[in-house]
Amino acid sequence: MRKEYDFSNGKRGAVIPSTGKTRITIMLDDEVIEFFRTRAEALGAGYQTMINAALRAVVADAASQDAEDKPITVATLRKVLREELHTA
């Protein structure tokens, strides 16, 4: 080993930057963590990857429901009634 190293051009942080993911700290219930750890061990997968997949499924489901579950406004109801009464 050298007696002295030059770190003047060194950078702090990860050597390889990750793209598309952000490291966060999150508090989850012990039961939730245990469920995913047990399931991940049985399937040979990572529990954090499984939690991410579960959250992605919830986001996708919410996005599809948002498009379908918009409340009916008075204006929309009047428009539909006029169209139906006009064709009858």
Protein backbone atom coordinates (compact mmCIF):
# COMPACT_ATOMS: atom_id res chain seq x y z
CA MET A 1 0.00 0.00 0.00
CA ARG A 2 1.10 3.53 -0.60
CA LYS A 3 1.84 5.80 2.28
CA GLU A 4 -0.21 8.56 0.68
CA TYR A 5 -3.15 8.67 -1.73
CA ASP A 6 -4.41 11.62 -3.77
CA PHE A 7 -8.16 12.12 -3.32
CA SER A 8 -8.23 15.67 -4.68
CA ASN A 9 -10.30 14.55 -7.71
CA GLY A 10 -12.48 12.18 -5.69
CA LYS A 11 -16.27 12.53 -5.58
CA ARG A 12 -18.61 11.67 -2.74
CA GLY A 13 -21.51 9.32 -3.17
CA ALA A 14 -22.18 6.26 -5.26
CA VAL A 15 -19.59 5.29 -7.84
CA ILE A 16 -22.25 4.42 -10.40
CA PRO A 17 -25.26 6.75 -10.40
CA SER A 18 -28.60 4.97 -10.42
CA THR A 19 -31.17 6.08 -12.97
CA GLY A 20 -34.91 5.86 -12.55
CA LYS A 21 -34.84 5.16 -8.82
CA THR A 22 -34.46 7.29 -5.72
CA ARG A 23 -33.22 6.13 -2.34
CA ILE A 24 -35.63 7.13 0.45
CA THR A 25 -36.30 6.28 4.06
CA ILE A 26 -39.83 5.06 4.72
CA MET A 27 -41.54 3.71 7.82
CA LEU A 28 -43.60 0.55 7.20
CA ASP A 29 -45.43 -1.69 9.64
CA ASP A 30 -43.47 -4.70 10.86
CA GLU A 31 -46.19 -7.02 9.55
CA VAL A 32 -45.87 -5.55 6.05
CA ILE A 33 -42.10 -5.97 6.00
CA GLU A 34 -42.34 -9.51 7.35
CA PHE A 35 -44.95 -10.45 4.74
CA PHE A 36 -42.80 -9.25 1.86
CA ARG A 37 -39.58 -10.73 3.30
CA THR A 38 -41.19 -14.14 3.80
CA ARG A 39 -42.77 -14.12 0.37
CA ALA A 40 -39.59 -12.89 -1.30
CA GLU A 41 -37.53 -15.60 0.37
CA ALA A 42 -39.98 -18.26 -0.83
CA LEU A 43 -39.87 -16.93 -4.39
CA GLY A 44 -36.16 -16.17 -4.44
CA ALA A 45 -36.69 -12.47 -5.10
CA GLY A 46 -35.86 -9.25 -3.28
CA TYR A 47 -38.45 -7.95 -0.86
CA GLN A 48 -37.83 -4.32 -1.84
CA THR A 49 -38.40 -5.25 -5.48
CA MET A 50 -41.68 -6.90 -4.50
CA ILE A 51 -42.79 -3.84 -2.51
CA ASN A 52 -41.96 -1.66 -5.53
CA ALA A 53 -44.00 -3.96 -7.81
CA ALA A 54 -46.96 -3.82 -5.39
CA LEU A 55 -46.81 -0.02 -5.30
CA ARG A 56 -46.59 0.13 -9.10
CA ALA A 57 -49.73 -2.05 -9.33
CA VAL A 58 -51.60 0.31 -7.00
CA VAL A 59 -50.49 3.34 -9.04
CA ALA A 60 -51.57 1.70 -12.31
CA ASP A 61 -54.93 0.70 -10.82
CA ALA A 62 -55.53 4.19 -9.44
CA ALA A 63 -54.66 5.76 -12.79
CA SER A 64 -57.15 3.54 -14.62
CA GLN A 65 -59.87 4.18 -12.03
CA ASP A 66 -59.33 7.94 -12.19
CA ALA A 67 -60.30 7.87 -15.84
CA GLU A 68 -63.43 5.80 -15.18
CA ASP A 69 -64.65 7.07 -11.81
CA LYS A 70 -65.08 10.75 -12.47
CA PRO A 71 -68.20 12.05 -10.73
CA ILE A 72 -71.18 12.94 -12.87
CA THR A 73 -71.77 16.67 -12.90
CA VAL A 74 -75.13 18.35 -13.35
CA ALA A 75 -74.07 19.56 -16.78
CA THR A 76 -73.10 16.05 -17.88
CA LEU A 77 -76.35 14.61 -16.56
CA ARG A 78 -78.39 17.25 -18.41
CA LYS A 79 -76.49 16.56 -21.62
CA VAL A 80 -77.11 12.81 -21.39
CA LEU A 81 -80.80 13.32 -20.59
CA ARG A 82 -81.25 15.70 -23.54
CA GLU A 83 -79.56 13.22 -25.87
CA GLU A 84 -81.72 10.34 -24.62
CA LEU A 85 -84.95 12.34 -24.72
CA HIS A 86 -84.13 13.66 -28.18
CA THR A 87 -83.67 10.15 -29.62
CA ALA A 88 -86.83 8.79 -27.99
